[in-house]
Amino acid sequence: MFDTTGVGSSVELLAGLIDTLSVLGQDVEDVVRIDRIALLEKLKSAASAAQAVETVAFATSQRAQQIAQKVPAKRADRGIAAQIALARRTSPYEARRLLGWSRILITELPQTFATLQAGDTTEWRAMIVARETAWLSREHRAVVDEELAAQLEQLGNRRVESAAKTAAYRLDPEGYVGRIRGANSERRVSVRPAPDVMSRLSALLPVAQGVACQAALSKHADTLIGTGDSRTRGQIMADTLVERVTGQAVADDVAIEINLVMTDETLFAEGDEPGRFVGHAPIPAPIARAIALRTGGSNAHNAAPRWIRRIYTALHTGQLIAVESRRRRFTTGQRRFIDIQDDTCRTPWCDAPIRHYDHVNTYGDGGPTSVANGRGACVACNLARQAPGWHATAPEGAGIEVILHTPTDHRYPSRPPKPPARERRPTSPLERVVIRWLRVA
């Protein structure tokens, strides 16, 4: 047995548990396997409860330390969620949500939390209860907690959400309606990469508007199908959405500017190294060529303007070539270069769009305004670095690796997506001259 109150021993205990789980023997009956699966699920829930306790305790301690360092109270939470995100290998946005729900769960939903500790519900279902009661008063939240705790073990995700919403509405109908009206201010549109060179465009809208959009697209699809259009309903609805939003007569005629990272061999059909569009997954060479050169399928007759921004890489290594500025603010070209190099926020596991351009070695400490000393960051991750105890280093340049150092002296390395590169071979004297010329051009 380990003394779980000791700092070193508690970490050793958890590390030992991971080792134990990795060597479970498989010379057992299926009935034992099912028992193990069930117990491992309970263990995941119990571990989530323990993680919630550690999360809230860490946030409380860090805030107290920042206030003791004379950080204004309104900024004393800066950087805390970012550290939790790195430890959990998730985004700062997700970490902030989990931290807020964990606080509610531990301090104001004791019965729901006890159910999670016992392994009788999942982390997500417990967090649903916290999320759906966050707007209630403490007294009303306690009522919902008592009402739902006994049911949680038997309810799935949707039923937990429905039960929590129903109970909350019954306790405070006016507050529930006010919450719905307030949600209208959160409407937005976002785009995320999807598998197979696709993207997922999402809109968060008031329910009436969302239903109206769906109905209009569906009605238009029915009309075209009735006239003999060979496309599927889904294809027609998707094409119509693009046409109506962009104002183009045909979806494929959308004018685009392509930030395409690929080797010349791939572009001119002499190689098969995948290309990459900024913000999206790697693209197979034939598809990248077809898009860039407007060949194949409907692209062959596409008359819409299309610009290809050529991004140069160092021969055989794939590293993008950089330039430097003496100004504090990154130039337009440098920002575009960092966008292409880093793709998304450079903080590990964040994946949010780049909104800020950050000096790895800060400008105030003499760090140059160059792409070798620049990284792309979302707003939250860039602000987190302003909190006490944070700094970053890039011993070989930001294009190779950036190491983020947190106040607890943990280190998190990150590398940009690997650009296309030719197979390495000895560099000739002429190529070395070209590389030097590109770096100063």
Protein backbone atom coordinates (compact mmCIF):
# COMPACT_ATOMS: atom_id res chain seq x y z
CA MET A 1 0.00 0.00 0.00
CA PHE A 2 1.08 3.57 -0.69
CA ASP A 3 0.53 6.58 1.53
CA THR A 4 -1.61 8.60 -0.87
CA THR A 5 -1.21 11.80 1.16
CA GLY A 6 2.49 12.10 0.32
CA VAL A 7 3.38 14.22 -2.70
CA GLY A 8 5.85 11.79 -4.25
CA SER A 9 4.00 8.64 -3.24
CA SER A 10 0.66 9.79 -4.73
CA VAL A 11 2.28 10.37 -8.11
CA GLU A 12 4.06 7.02 -7.79
CA LEU A 13 0.75 5.33 -7.00
CA LEU A 14 -0.94 6.71 -10.10
CA ALA A 15 2.03 5.84 -12.32
CA GLY A 16 2.03 2.32 -10.87
CA LEU A 17 -1.67 1.95 -11.63
CA ILE A 18 -1.04 2.75 -15.28
CA ASP A 19 1.72 0.13 -15.38
CA THR A 20 -0.61 -2.44 -13.79
CA LEU A 21 -3.35 -1.84 -16.34
CA SER A 22 -0.92 -2.32 -19.21
CA VAL A 23 -0.10 -5.89 -18.19
CA LEU A 24 -3.52 -7.39 -17.53
CA GLY A 25 -3.33 -11.03 -18.56
CA GLN A 26 -5.62 -12.27 -21.32
CA ASP A 27 -5.72 -15.94 -20.38
CA VAL A 28 -9.22 -15.55 -18.93
CA GLU A 29 -12.84 -16.37 -19.77
CA ASP A 30 -15.11 -13.89 -21.52
CA VAL A 31 -17.16 -13.43 -18.36
CA VAL A 32 -14.02 -12.06 -16.69
CA ARG A 33 -13.40 -9.75 -19.64
CA ILE A 34 -16.89 -8.28 -19.30
CA ASP A 35 -16.31 -7.80 -15.56
CA ARG A 36 -13.03 -6.04 -16.31
CA ILE A 37 -14.68 -3.78 -18.89
CA ALA A 38 -17.34 -2.77 -16.36
CA LEU A 39 -14.80 -2.18 -13.60
CA LEU A 40 -12.51 -0.20 -15.89
CA GLU A 41 -15.47 2.01 -16.78
CA LYS A 42 -16.12 2.63 -13.09
CA LEU A 43 -12.41 3.31 -12.63
CA LYS A 44 -12.52 5.94 -15.40
CA SER A 45 -15.39 7.69 -13.61
CA ALA A 46 -13.69 7.54 -10.23
CA ALA A 47 -10.49 8.88 -11.81
CA SER A 48 -12.51 11.73 -13.34
CA ALA A 49 -13.84 12.63 -9.89
CA ALA A 50 -10.32 12.63 -8.45
CA GLN A 51 -9.15 14.74 -11.39
CA ALA A 52 -11.95 17.25 -10.72
CA VAL A 53 -10.81 17.60 -7.10
CA GLU A 54 -7.20 18.16 -8.19
CA THR A 55 -8.33 20.66 -10.84
CA VAL A 56 -10.31 22.83 -8.43
CA ALA A 57 -7.57 22.67 -5.77
CA PHE A 58 -4.94 23.67 -8.33
CA ALA A 59 -7.01 26.61 -9.59
CA THR A 60 -7.62 27.83 -6.04
CA SER A 61 -3.93 27.60 -5.15
CA GLN A 62 -2.77 29.32 -8.33
CA ARG A 63 -5.20 32.20 -7.89
CA ALA A 64 -4.03 32.71 -4.31
CA GLN A 65 -0.39 32.74 -5.46
CA GLN A 66 -1.08 35.32 -8.15
CA ILE A 67 -2.94 37.59 -5.73
CA ALA A 68 -0.01 37.25 -3.29
CA GLN A 69 2.22 38.47 -6.15
CA LYS A 70 0.07 41.62 -6.40
CA VAL A 71 -1.66 40.56 -9.59
CA PRO A 72 -5.03 42.39 -9.79
CA ALA A 73 -7.91 40.13 -8.76
CA LYS A 74 -9.62 40.45 -12.14
CA ARG A 75 -6.49 39.03 -13.84
CA ALA A 76 -5.54 36.48 -11.18
CA ASP A 77 -7.18 33.60 -13.09
CA ARG A 78 -5.13 34.22 -16.24
CA GLY A 79 -3.10 31.22 -17.32
CA ILE A 80 -4.73 28.77 -14.89
CA ALA A 81 -7.06 27.09 -17.37
CA ALA A 82 -4.20 26.98 -19.89
CA GLN A 83 -2.07 24.94 -17.48
CA ILE A 84 -4.97 22.58 -16.83
CA ALA A 85 -5.50 22.23 -20.58
CA LEU A 86 -1.88 21.24 -21.14
CA ALA A 87 -2.02 18.67 -18.33
CA ARG A 88 -5.27 17.22 -19.70
CA ARG A 89 -4.10 17.45 -23.33
CA THR A 90 -7.10 19.48 -24.40
CA SER A 91 -7.86 23.04 -25.46
CA PRO A 92 -7.94 26.02 -23.04
CA TYR A 93 -11.60 26.54 -23.95
CA GLU A 94 -12.48 23.01 -22.95
CA ALA A 95 -10.38 23.29 -19.79
CA ARG A 96 -12.20 26.47 -18.72
CA ARG A 97 -15.54 24.73 -19.13
CA LEU A 98 -14.40 21.68 -17.18
CA LEU A 99 -12.96 23.85 -14.42
CA GLY A 100 -16.21 25.78 -14.03
CA TRP A 101 -18.35 22.66 -14.03
CA SER A 102 -15.96 20.90 -11.63
CA ARG A 103 -16.33 23.74 -9.13
CA ILE A 104 -20.11 23.49 -9.26
CA LEU A 105 -20.00 19.70 -9.08
CA ILE A 106 -17.75 19.54 -6.02
CA THR A 107 -19.15 22.43 -4.02
CA GLU A 108 -22.84 22.49 -4.93
CA LEU A 109 -23.81 19.07 -6.33
CA PRO A 110 -22.46 16.74 -3.63
CA GLN A 111 -24.74 13.80 -4.41
CA THR A 112 -24.02 13.87 -8.12
CA PHE A 113 -20.31 14.10 -7.31
CA ALA A 114 -20.55 11.14 -4.93
CA THR A 115 -22.19 9.12 -7.71
CA LEU A 116 -19.24 9.96 -9.96
CA GLN A 117 -16.72 9.07 -7.27
CA ALA A 118 -18.39 5.69 -6.85
CA GLY A 119 -18.07 5.07 -10.59
CA ASP A 120 -21.85 4.88 -11.05
CA THR A 121 -22.06 7.58 -13.73
CA THR A 122 -19.70 9.02 -16.31
CA GLU A 123 -17.78 12.26 -16.16
CA TRP A 124 -19.77 13.71 -19.04
CA ARG A 125 -23.15 12.94 -17.45
CA ALA A 126 -22.08 14.53 -14.18
CA MET A 127 -20.86 17.57 -16.11
CA ILE A 128 -24.20 17.77 -17.93
CA VAL A 129 -25.93 18.15 -14.58
CA ALA A 130 -23.46 20.89 -13.62
CA ARG A 131 -23.88 22.63 -16.98
CA GLU A 132 -27.68 22.55 -16.99
CA THR A 133 -27.95 23.84 -13.42
CA ALA A 134 -25.17 26.43 -13.53
CA TRP A 135 -27.67 29.30 -13.91
CA LEU A 136 -29.85 28.22 -10.94
CA SER A 137 -29.56 29.51 -7.40
CA ARG A 138 -27.58 27.38 -4.95
CA GLU A 139 -30.83 26.30 -3.26
CA HIS A 140 -32.48 25.21 -6.49
CA ARG A 141 -29.32 23.45 -7.59
CA ALA A 142 -29.39 21.38 -4.40
CA VAL A 143 -32.97 20.30 -5.17
CA VAL A 144 -32.01 19.11 -8.66
CA ASP A 145 -28.96 17.34 -7.22
CA GLU A 146 -31.09 15.35 -4.78
CA GLU A 147 -33.70 14.55 -7.41
CA LEU A 148 -31.31 13.31 -10.10
CA ALA A 149 -28.57 11.59 -8.10
CA ALA A 150 -30.52 8.39 -7.55
CA GLN A 151 -31.38 8.16 -11.27
CA LEU A 152 -28.00 8.90 -12.81
CA GLU A 153 -26.78 5.31 -12.88
CA GLN A 154 -29.66 4.34 -15.18
CA LEU A 155 -29.76 7.36 -17.50
CA GLY A 156 -27.95 7.95 -20.78
CA ASN A 157 -26.58 11.30 -21.94
CA ARG A 158 -29.76 12.62 -23.57
CA ARG A 159 -32.00 11.54 -20.71
CA VAL A 160 -29.70 13.15 -18.14
CA GLU A 161 -29.81 16.41 -20.09
CA SER A 162 -33.58 16.24 -20.47
CA ALA A 163 -34.16 15.44 -16.78
CA ALA A 164 -31.85 18.26 -15.64
CA LYS A 165 -33.50 20.80 -17.93
CA THR A 166 -36.98 19.72 -16.88
CA ALA A 167 -36.17 19.98 -13.17
CA ALA A 168 -34.49 23.35 -13.65
CA TYR A 169 -37.45 24.75 -15.59
CA ARG A 170 -39.90 23.55 -12.97
CA LEU A 171 -37.94 25.35 -10.23
CA ASP A 172 -37.37 28.65 -12.08
CA PRO A 173 -39.48 29.05 -15.26
CA GLU A 174 -38.67 32.75 -15.70
CA GLY A 175 -34.95 32.19 -15.30
CA TYR A 176 -35.07 29.33 -17.80
CA VAL A 177 -36.75 31.52 -20.43
CA GLY A 178 -34.25 34.30 -19.73
CA ARG A 179 -31.40 31.87 -20.26
CA ILE A 180 -32.81 30.87 -23.65
CA ARG A 181 -33.15 34.50 -24.69
CA GLY A 182 -29.60 35.19 -23.58
CA ALA A 183 -28.35 32.32 -25.73
CA ASN A 184 -29.35 34.36 -28.80
CA SER A 185 -26.24 36.50 -28.27
CA GLU A 186 -24.06 33.39 -28.73
CA ARG A 187 -25.07 32.83 -32.37
CA ARG A 188 -22.08 32.28 -34.63
CA VAL A 189 -20.66 30.44 -37.64
CA SER A 190 -17.52 28.29 -37.58
CA VAL A 191 -15.67 25.95 -39.89
CA ARG A 192 -13.59 22.92 -38.99
CA PRO A 193 -11.66 20.38 -41.08
CA ALA A 194 -13.44 17.10 -41.81
CA PRO A 195 -12.10 13.77 -43.13
CA ASP A 196 -11.40 13.17 -46.83
CA VAL A 197 -10.55 16.75 -47.84
CA MET A 198 -13.88 18.13 -46.66
CA SER A 199 -14.81 20.84 -44.18
CA ARG A 200 -17.65 21.15 -41.68
CA LEU A 201 -19.46 24.51 -41.69
CA SER A 202 -21.57 24.98 -38.58
CA ALA A 203 -24.01 27.70 -37.57
CA LEU A 204 -25.36 28.20 -34.06
CA LEU A 205 -28.73 29.91 -34.60
CA PRO A 206 -32.00 30.52 -32.78
CA VAL A 207 -34.13 27.43 -33.31
CA ALA A 208 -36.68 29.15 -35.58
CA GLN A 209 -33.95 30.43 -37.91
CA GLY A 210 -32.17 27.10 -38.00
CA VAL A 211 -35.35 25.22 -38.84
CA ALA A 212 -36.24 27.82 -41.50
CA CYS A 213 -32.83 27.41 -43.19
CA GLN A 214 -33.16 23.63 -43.21
CA ALA A 215 -36.72 23.81 -44.60
CA ALA A 216 -35.76 26.26 -47.36
CA LEU A 217 -32.82 24.14 -48.50
CA SER A 218 -34.93 20.98 -48.37
CA LYS A 219 -37.77 22.55 -50.36
CA HIS A 220 -35.36 23.75 -53.04
CA ALA A 221 -33.81 20.28 -53.24
CA ASP A 222 -37.26 18.70 -53.69
CA THR A 223 -37.98 21.11 -56.56
CA LEU A 224 -34.75 20.29 -58.40
CA ILE A 225 -35.11 16.55 -57.86
CA GLY A 226 -38.61 16.83 -59.34
CA THR A 227 -37.13 18.37 -62.51
CA GLY A 228 -34.67 15.51 -62.93
CA ASP A 229 -31.55 16.79 -61.16
CA SER A 230 -29.25 13.78 -60.73
CA ARG A 231 -27.64 14.99 -57.49
CA THR A 232 -28.71 13.59 -54.13
CA ARG A 233 -30.82 15.68 -51.78
CA GLY A 234 -27.83 16.28 -49.51
CA GLN A 235 -25.62 17.36 -52.42
CA ILE A 236 -28.22 19.81 -53.69
CA MET A 237 -28.74 21.30 -50.23
CA ALA A 238 -24.98 21.71 -49.72
CA ASP A 239 -24.48 23.30 -53.15
CA THR A 240 -27.45 25.62 -52.64
CA LEU A 241 -26.07 26.75 -49.28
CA VAL A 242 -22.75 27.72 -50.89
CA GLU A 243 -24.46 29.46 -53.80
CA ARG A 244 -26.81 31.52 -51.63
CA VAL A 245 -24.16 32.51 -49.10
CA THR A 246 -21.49 33.46 -51.64
CA GLY A 247 -23.81 34.84 -54.33
CA GLN A 248 -22.30 32.58 -57.00
CA ALA A 249 -24.49 30.98 -59.63
CA VAL A 250 -22.76 27.62 -59.19
CA ALA A 251 -21.10 26.32 -56.02
CA ASP A 252 -17.84 25.44 -57.82
CA ASP A 253 -17.50 29.02 -59.11
CA VAL A 254 -16.52 30.41 -55.72
CA ALA A 255 -13.45 32.63 -56.07
CA ILE A 256 -10.71 31.46 -53.73
CA GLU A 257 -7.17 32.27 -52.72
CA ILE A 258 -5.21 29.10 -52.01
CA ASN A 259 -2.45 29.01 -49.41
CA LEU A 260 -1.05 25.75 -50.71
CA VAL A 261 2.09 24.16 -49.30
CA MET A 262 3.44 21.54 -51.68
CA THR A 263 6.61 20.60 -53.51
CA ASP A 264 7.07 21.55 -57.15
CA GLU A 265 7.36 17.84 -57.97
CA THR A 266 3.86 17.26 -56.60
CA LEU A 267 2.44 20.27 -58.42
CA PHE A 268 3.77 19.15 -61.78
CA ALA A 269 2.95 15.44 -61.35
CA GLU A 270 6.54 14.37 -60.75
CA GLY A 271 5.99 13.26 -57.15
CA ASP A 272 3.33 12.03 -54.74
CA GLU A 273 4.18 13.97 -51.57
CA PRO A 274 0.83 15.24 -50.11
CA GLY A 275 0.09 18.95 -50.11
CA ARG A 276 -1.52 20.96 -47.32
CA PHE A 277 -4.04 23.78 -47.25
CA VAL A 278 -3.76 26.08 -44.26
CA GLY A 279 -6.17 24.96 -41.56
CA HIS A 280 -6.88 21.56 -43.10
CA ALA A 281 -5.52 18.05 -43.08
CA PRO A 282 -2.96 16.86 -45.66
CA ILE A 283 -4.36 16.46 -49.17
CA PRO A 284 -3.36 13.61 -51.51
CA ALA A 285 -1.14 14.79 -54.35
CA PRO A 286 -3.61 14.10 -57.22
CA ILE A 287 -6.39 16.06 -55.49
CA ALA A 288 -4.08 18.95 -54.61
CA ARG A 289 -2.93 19.11 -58.25
CA ALA A 290 -6.52 19.07 -59.53
CA ILE A 291 -7.51 21.93 -57.25
CA ALA A 292 -4.41 24.00 -57.92
CA LEU A 293 -4.38 23.52 -61.70
CA ARG A 294 -8.18 23.44 -62.05
CA THR A 295 -8.24 20.07 -63.78
CA GLY A 296 -10.58 17.13 -63.40
CA GLY A 297 -14.30 17.02 -62.56
CA SER A 298 -16.20 20.30 -62.36
CA ASN A 299 -12.92 22.17 -61.75
CA ALA A 300 -12.02 21.82 -65.43
CA HIS A 301 -14.71 24.33 -66.45
CA ASN A 302 -14.52 26.56 -63.41
CA ALA A 303 -14.18 30.15 -64.60
CA ALA A 304 -14.01 31.72 -61.14
CA PRO A 305 -10.82 33.60 -60.16
CA ARG A 306 -8.33 31.45 -58.33
CA TRP A 307 -5.03 32.57 -56.84
CA ILE A 308 -2.28 30.23 -55.68
CA ARG A 309 0.12 31.61 -53.11
CA ARG A 310 3.42 29.80 -53.57
CA ILE A 311 5.17 28.93 -50.35
CA TYR A 312 8.88 28.13 -50.67
CA THR A 313 10.55 25.48 -48.55
CA ALA A 314 14.20 24.71 -47.92
CA LEU A 315 15.28 22.06 -50.37
CA HIS A 316 14.90 18.50 -49.04
CA THR A 317 14.14 19.55 -45.44
CA GLY A 318 10.67 21.01 -45.99
CA GLN A 319 11.32 23.89 -43.58
CA LEU A 320 9.71 27.13 -44.73
CA ILE A 321 12.09 30.00 -45.55
CA ALA A 322 11.88 33.03 -43.22
CA VAL A 323 12.43 36.78 -43.19
CA GLU A 324 12.99 39.24 -40.31
CA SER A 325 11.68 42.72 -39.41
CA ARG A 326 13.06 45.29 -36.99
CA ARG A 327 9.57 46.39 -35.98
CA ARG A 328 7.73 45.08 -32.93
CA ARG A 329 4.62 44.11 -34.90
CA PHE A 330 4.90 41.28 -37.37
CA THR A 331 4.50 42.38 -40.97
CA THR A 332 1.66 41.19 -43.16
CA GLY A 333 3.99 38.79 -44.93
CA GLN A 334 5.35 37.42 -41.66
CA ARG A 335 1.85 36.91 -40.28
CA ARG A 336 0.85 35.09 -43.43
CA PHE A 337 4.00 32.98 -43.19
CA ILE A 338 3.22 32.03 -39.56
CA ASP A 339 -0.38 31.21 -40.53
CA ILE A 340 0.89 28.81 -43.14
CA GLN A 341 3.66 27.36 -41.00
CA ASP A 342 1.70 26.79 -37.78
CA ASP A 343 -1.76 26.14 -39.29
CA THR A 344 -3.56 26.53 -35.93
CA CYS A 345 -2.70 27.84 -32.44
CA ARG A 346 0.78 26.55 -31.63
CA THR A 347 -0.07 25.56 -28.02
CA PRO A 348 -0.20 21.75 -27.80
CA TRP A 349 -3.73 20.28 -28.10
CA CYS A 350 -5.39 23.67 -28.63
CA ASP A 351 -6.19 23.62 -32.39
CA ALA A 352 -8.02 26.98 -32.23
CA PRO A 353 -7.64 29.40 -35.16
CA ILE A 354 -4.64 31.77 -35.03
CA ARG A 355 -5.65 35.26 -33.89
CA HIS A 356 -2.42 36.64 -32.36
CA TYR A 357 1.24 36.54 -33.45
CA ASP A 358 3.48 36.02 -30.46
CA HIS A 359 7.23 36.56 -29.95
CA VAL A 360 8.63 33.31 -28.50
CA ASN A 361 11.48 35.26 -26.90
CA THR A 362 9.58 38.42 -25.95
CA TYR A 363 10.30 41.68 -27.73
CA GLY A 364 10.94 43.36 -24.38
CA ASP A 365 13.71 40.85 -23.70
CA GLY A 366 15.35 41.53 -27.04
CA GLY A 367 13.54 38.89 -29.08
CA PRO A 368 13.56 39.72 -32.81
CA THR A 369 10.41 40.17 -34.88
CA SER A 370 11.06 37.25 -37.18
CA VAL A 371 9.26 34.08 -38.16
CA ALA A 372 12.07 32.14 -36.48
CA ASN A 373 10.97 33.83 -33.23
CA GLY A 374 7.23 33.91 -33.96
CA ARG A 375 4.39 31.55 -33.22
CA GLY A 376 0.69 31.66 -34.01
CA ALA A 377 -1.63 31.68 -31.00
CA CYS A 378 -5.30 31.98 -30.21
CA VAL A 379 -6.39 34.87 -27.97
CA ALA A 380 -6.65 32.71 -24.84
CA CYS A 381 -3.23 31.09 -25.21
CA ASN A 382 -1.49 34.39 -25.93
CA LEU A 383 -3.07 36.04 -22.89
CA ALA A 384 -2.13 33.03 -20.72
CA ARG A 385 1.53 33.71 -21.47
CA GLN A 386 1.19 37.14 -19.87
CA ALA A 387 0.56 35.55 -16.45
CA PRO A 388 3.48 35.26 -14.00
CA GLY A 389 5.77 32.27 -14.45
CA TRP A 390 5.14 31.61 -18.16
CA HIS A 391 7.78 31.76 -20.85
CA ALA A 392 8.73 30.02 -24.08
CA THR A 393 11.93 29.04 -25.83
CA ALA A 394 12.82 27.98 -29.36
CA PRO A 395 16.45 26.82 -29.34
CA GLU A 396 16.40 25.84 -33.03
CA GLY A 397 13.84 28.40 -34.21
CA ALA A 398 10.04 28.39 -34.01
CA GLY A 399 9.85 26.56 -37.33
CA ILE A 400 11.50 23.56 -35.67
CA GLU A 401 10.19 23.49 -32.08
CA VAL A 402 8.74 25.81 -29.44
CA ILE A 403 8.93 24.74 -25.79
CA LEU A 404 6.30 26.26 -23.51
CA HIS A 405 7.31 26.58 -19.83
CA THR A 406 4.52 26.87 -17.24
CA PRO A 407 4.64 28.31 -13.69
CA THR A 408 4.93 24.78 -12.25
CA ASP A 409 8.07 24.28 -14.37
CA HIS A 410 6.41 21.74 -16.66
CA ARG A 411 7.56 21.88 -20.27
CA TYR A 412 5.43 21.24 -23.33
CA PRO A 413 7.13 21.06 -26.75
CA SER A 414 5.27 21.72 -29.98
CA ARG A 415 6.27 21.38 -33.61
CA PRO A 416 4.45 22.82 -36.63
CA PRO A 417 2.83 20.48 -39.16
CA LYS A 418 5.50 18.88 -41.28
CA PRO A 419 5.55 20.55 -44.72
CA PRO A 420 6.08 18.53 -47.89
CA ALA A 421 9.74 17.84 -48.66
CA ARG A 422 11.70 16.02 -51.28
CA GLU A 423 13.67 12.96 -50.34
CA ARG A 424 16.88 14.14 -48.67
CA ARG A 425 20.06 13.97 -50.74
CA PRO A 426 23.38 15.82 -50.56
CA THR A 427 23.00 19.56 -51.20
CA SER A 428 25.00 20.90 -54.12
CA PRO A 429 26.96 24.17 -53.92
CA LEU A 430 24.43 25.80 -56.28
CA GLU A 431 21.50 24.76 -54.05
CA ARG A 432 23.26 26.18 -51.00
CA VAL A 433 23.58 29.51 -52.82
CA VAL A 434 19.86 29.42 -53.73
CA ILE A 435 18.89 28.72 -50.12
CA ARG A 436 20.99 31.63 -48.85
CA TRP A 437 19.46 33.91 -51.50
CA LEU A 438 15.89 32.93 -50.57
CA ARG A 439 16.55 33.60 -46.89
CA VAL A 440 17.55 37.18 -47.53
CA ALA A 441 15.19 37.89 -50.45
